[in-house]
Amino acid sequence: MKALKLIDKWFEESVITLFMGYFVLATILQVVARLVLQIPAAWTEETSRYAFIWMTFIGAAVAVKQSRHVLVDLLDTYI
């Protein structure tokens, strides 16, 4: 039971961290391959894009889970 609580608490953050690390490394590799080696690697651009997309989706889920989404309280103020 305790293991499930740890997974529930840290799984999304761990996955986001892995995606962010991959995103940074793939982007650096793309820059080095394009500017230094003059041989652009097509796979790094696409996989880093997908890592960024999944990082955004999972980050939105974490924000909902922690009640930290941006709140627009304009209607609450005037109603």
N, C-alpha and C. Protein backbone atom coordinates (compact mmCIF):
# COMPACT_ATOMS: atom_id res chain seq x y z
N MET A 1 0.82 -1.19 0.00
CA MET A 1 0.00 0.00 0.00
C MET A 1 0.86 1.26 0.00
N LYS A 2 1.97 1.23 0.74
CA LYS A 2 2.85 2.38 0.79
C LYS A 2 3.54 2.61 -0.55
N ALA A 3 3.85 1.51 -1.24
CA ALA A 3 4.48 1.64 -2.56
C ALA A 3 3.53 2.32 -3.54
N LEU A 4 2.25 2.01 -3.47
CA LEU A 4 1.29 2.65 -4.36
C LEU A 4 1.16 4.15 -4.07
N LYS A 5 1.25 4.52 -2.81
CA LYS A 5 1.20 5.95 -2.46
C LYS A 5 2.43 6.68 -3.00
N LEU A 6 3.59 6.04 -2.92
CA LEU A 6 4.81 6.65 -3.47
C LEU A 6 4.72 6.79 -4.98
N ILE A 7 4.19 5.76 -5.64
CA ILE A 7 4.03 5.82 -7.09
C ILE A 7 3.04 6.92 -7.45
N ASP A 8 1.94 7.01 -6.70
CA ASP A 8 0.95 8.05 -6.97
C ASP A 8 1.52 9.44 -6.75
N LYS A 9 2.41 9.57 -5.79
CA LYS A 9 2.96 10.88 -5.46
C LYS A 9 4.06 11.31 -6.43
N TRP A 10 4.93 10.40 -6.86
CA TRP A 10 6.13 10.78 -7.60
C TRP A 10 6.21 10.30 -9.04
N PHE A 11 5.26 9.50 -9.52
CA PHE A 11 5.39 8.92 -10.85
C PHE A 11 5.37 9.99 -11.94
N GLU A 12 4.37 10.86 -11.92
CA GLU A 12 4.26 11.87 -12.97
C GLU A 12 5.46 12.80 -12.98
N GLU A 13 5.91 13.21 -11.79
CA GLU A 13 7.07 14.11 -11.72
C GLU A 13 8.32 13.43 -12.27
N SER A 14 8.46 12.15 -12.01
CA SER A 14 9.62 11.40 -12.52
C SER A 14 9.58 11.30 -14.04
N VAL A 15 8.41 11.03 -14.58
CA VAL A 15 8.26 10.93 -16.03
C VAL A 15 8.54 12.28 -16.69
N ILE A 16 8.03 13.36 -16.08
CA ILE A 16 8.29 14.69 -16.62
C ILE A 16 9.79 15.00 -16.60
N THR A 17 10.46 14.60 -15.52
CA THR A 17 11.90 14.82 -15.43
C THR A 17 12.65 14.06 -16.51
N LEU A 18 12.25 12.84 -16.76
CA LEU A 18 12.89 12.05 -17.83
C LEU A 18 12.65 12.68 -19.20
N PHE A 19 11.41 13.09 -19.45
CA PHE A 19 11.11 13.74 -20.73
C PHE A 19 11.89 15.04 -20.89
N MET A 20 12.01 15.80 -19.82
CA MET A 20 12.75 17.07 -19.89
C MET A 20 14.23 16.82 -20.17
N GLY A 21 14.81 15.83 -19.49
CA GLY A 21 16.21 15.48 -19.74
C GLY A 21 16.42 15.03 -21.17
N TYR A 22 15.51 14.19 -21.68
CA TYR A 22 15.63 13.75 -23.07
C TYR A 22 15.47 14.92 -24.03
N PHE A 23 14.52 15.80 -23.75
CA PHE A 23 14.28 16.97 -24.60
C PHE A 23 15.54 17.83 -24.70
N VAL A 24 16.17 18.08 -23.58
CA VAL A 24 17.38 18.91 -23.57
C VAL A 24 18.52 18.22 -24.32
N LEU A 25 18.74 16.94 -24.04
CA LEU A 25 19.83 16.22 -24.71
C LEU A 25 19.61 16.10 -26.22
N ALA A 26 18.38 15.81 -26.63
CA ALA A 26 18.10 15.68 -28.06
C ALA A 26 18.25 17.02 -28.77
N THR A 27 17.85 18.10 -28.11
CA THR A 27 17.99 19.42 -28.71
C THR A 27 19.46 19.81 -28.83
N ILE A 28 20.24 19.53 -27.81
CA ILE A 28 21.68 19.82 -27.88
C ILE A 28 22.34 18.99 -28.98
N LEU A 29 21.96 17.72 -29.07
CA LEU A 29 22.50 16.86 -30.13
C LEU A 29 22.13 17.39 -31.51
N GLN A 30 20.92 17.88 -31.66
CA GLN A 30 20.50 18.43 -32.95
C GLN A 30 21.30 19.68 -33.31
N VAL A 31 21.53 20.53 -32.33
CA VAL A 31 22.30 21.75 -32.58
C VAL A 31 23.74 21.41 -32.96
N VAL A 32 24.34 20.49 -32.23
CA VAL A 32 25.72 20.08 -32.53
C VAL A 32 25.79 19.42 -33.90
N ALA A 33 24.85 18.53 -34.20
CA ALA A 33 24.87 17.85 -35.49
C ALA A 33 24.67 18.82 -36.64
N ARG A 34 23.81 19.80 -36.44
CA ARG A 34 23.52 20.73 -37.53
C ARG A 34 24.62 21.76 -37.73
N LEU A 35 25.14 22.31 -36.63
CA LEU A 35 26.10 23.41 -36.76
C LEU A 35 27.55 22.94 -36.85
N VAL A 36 27.89 21.92 -36.11
CA VAL A 36 29.29 21.48 -36.08
C VAL A 36 29.56 20.42 -37.14
N LEU A 37 28.73 19.40 -37.19
CA LEU A 37 28.96 18.29 -38.11
C LEU A 37 28.38 18.53 -39.50
N GLN A 38 27.50 19.51 -39.64
CA GLN A 38 26.83 19.81 -40.91
C GLN A 38 25.99 18.64 -41.42
N ILE A 39 25.56 17.77 -40.51
CA ILE A 39 24.71 16.63 -40.85
C ILE A 39 23.50 16.66 -39.90
N PRO A 40 22.40 17.28 -40.29
CA PRO A 40 21.25 17.34 -39.38
C PRO A 40 20.63 15.96 -39.17
N ALA A 41 20.30 15.68 -37.93
CA ALA A 41 19.66 14.41 -37.59
C ALA A 41 18.16 14.66 -37.48
N ALA A 42 17.40 14.05 -38.37
CA ALA A 42 15.95 14.30 -38.43
C ALA A 42 15.22 13.72 -37.22
N TRP A 43 15.70 12.63 -36.68
CA TRP A 43 14.98 11.97 -35.58
C TRP A 43 15.00 12.79 -34.30
N THR A 44 16.04 13.60 -34.07
CA THR A 44 16.11 14.35 -32.82
C THR A 44 15.05 15.44 -32.77
N GLU A 45 14.77 16.05 -33.89
CA GLU A 45 13.76 17.12 -33.90
C GLU A 45 12.37 16.56 -33.58
N GLU A 46 12.03 15.47 -34.22
CA GLU A 46 10.70 14.91 -34.02
C GLU A 46 10.52 14.29 -32.64
N THR A 47 11.52 13.57 -32.16
CA THR A 47 11.37 12.95 -30.84
C THR A 47 11.40 13.99 -29.73
N SER A 48 12.16 15.05 -29.90
CA SER A 48 12.14 16.10 -28.87
C SER A 48 10.81 16.83 -28.88
N ARG A 49 10.19 16.98 -30.03
CA ARG A 49 8.87 17.59 -30.11
C ARG A 49 7.85 16.73 -29.36
N TYR A 50 7.87 15.42 -29.56
CA TYR A 50 6.94 14.54 -28.87
C TYR A 50 7.20 14.51 -27.36
N ALA A 51 8.46 14.56 -26.98
CA ALA A 51 8.78 14.63 -25.55
C ALA A 51 8.23 15.91 -24.94
N PHE A 52 8.33 17.02 -25.65
CA PHE A 52 7.79 18.29 -25.16
C PHE A 52 6.27 18.24 -25.04
N ILE A 53 5.61 17.64 -26.02
CA ILE A 53 4.15 17.52 -25.99
C ILE A 53 3.71 16.68 -24.79
N TRP A 54 4.32 15.52 -24.60
CA TRP A 54 3.94 14.66 -23.49
C TRP A 54 4.29 15.31 -22.15
N MET A 55 5.39 16.03 -22.10
CA MET A 55 5.76 16.76 -20.89
C MET A 55 4.68 17.79 -20.54
N THR A 56 4.14 18.46 -21.54
CA THR A 56 3.09 19.44 -21.32
C THR A 56 1.81 18.78 -20.82
N PHE A 57 1.41 17.68 -21.45
CA PHE A 57 0.18 17.00 -21.04
C PHE A 57 0.29 16.46 -19.62
N ILE A 58 1.39 15.81 -19.31
CA ILE A 58 1.56 15.25 -17.97
C ILE A 58 1.70 16.36 -16.94
N GLY A 59 2.35 17.46 -17.32
CA GLY A 59 2.46 18.61 -16.42
C GLY A 59 1.10 19.21 -16.12
N ALA A 60 0.21 19.24 -17.10
CA ALA A 60 -1.15 19.73 -16.85
C ALA A 60 -1.88 18.82 -15.88
N ALA A 61 -1.67 17.51 -16.00
CA ALA A 61 -2.30 16.58 -15.06
C ALA A 61 -1.76 16.77 -13.65
N VAL A 62 -0.47 17.02 -13.53
CA VAL A 62 0.13 17.27 -12.21
C VAL A 62 -0.43 18.57 -11.63
N ALA A 63 -0.60 19.58 -12.46
CA ALA A 63 -1.15 20.85 -11.99
C ALA A 63 -2.57 20.67 -11.47
N VAL A 64 -3.36 19.86 -12.15
CA VAL A 64 -4.72 19.60 -11.68
C VAL A 64 -4.68 18.82 -10.37
N LYS A 65 -3.81 17.83 -10.30
CA LYS A 65 -3.69 17.00 -9.10
C LYS A 65 -3.29 17.83 -7.88
N GLN A 66 -2.45 18.84 -8.08
CA GLN A 66 -1.98 19.67 -6.98
C GLN A 66 -2.77 20.97 -6.85
N SER A 67 -3.82 21.15 -7.63
CA SER A 67 -4.66 22.36 -7.64
C SER A 67 -3.82 23.61 -7.87
N ARG A 68 -2.96 23.57 -8.87
CA ARG A 68 -2.08 24.70 -9.16
C ARG A 68 -2.25 25.26 -10.56
N HIS A 69 -3.39 24.99 -11.18
CA HIS A 69 -3.64 25.59 -12.47
C HIS A 69 -3.83 27.08 -12.33
N VAL A 70 -3.60 27.80 -13.40
CA VAL A 70 -3.81 29.24 -13.40
C VAL A 70 -5.31 29.50 -13.26
N LEU A 71 -5.66 30.33 -12.33
CA LEU A 71 -7.06 30.63 -12.07
C LEU A 71 -7.37 32.03 -12.56
N VAL A 72 -8.38 32.11 -13.40
CA VAL A 72 -8.84 33.40 -13.86
C VAL A 72 -10.05 33.74 -12.99
N ASP A 73 -9.88 34.68 -12.09
CA ASP A 73 -10.93 34.97 -11.13
C ASP A 73 -11.72 36.23 -11.48
N LEU A 74 -11.75 36.58 -12.73
CA LEU A 74 -12.50 37.75 -13.15
C LEU A 74 -13.99 37.57 -12.87
N LEU A 75 -14.52 36.39 -13.18
CA LEU A 75 -15.94 36.15 -12.93
C LEU A 75 -16.23 36.07 -11.44
N ASP A 76 -15.33 35.50 -10.67
CA ASP A 76 -15.54 35.43 -9.21
C ASP A 76 -15.54 36.82 -8.60
N THR A 77 -14.79 37.72 -9.15
CA THR A 77 -14.70 39.08 -8.61
C THR A 77 -15.99 39.86 -8.84
N TYR A 78 -16.58 39.69 -10.02
CA TYR A 78 -17.75 40.49 -10.38
C TYR A 78 -19.09 39.83 -10.12
N ILE A 79 -19.07 38.58 -9.71
CA ILE A 79 -20.35 37.88 -9.45
C ILE A 79 -20.61 37.81 -7.95
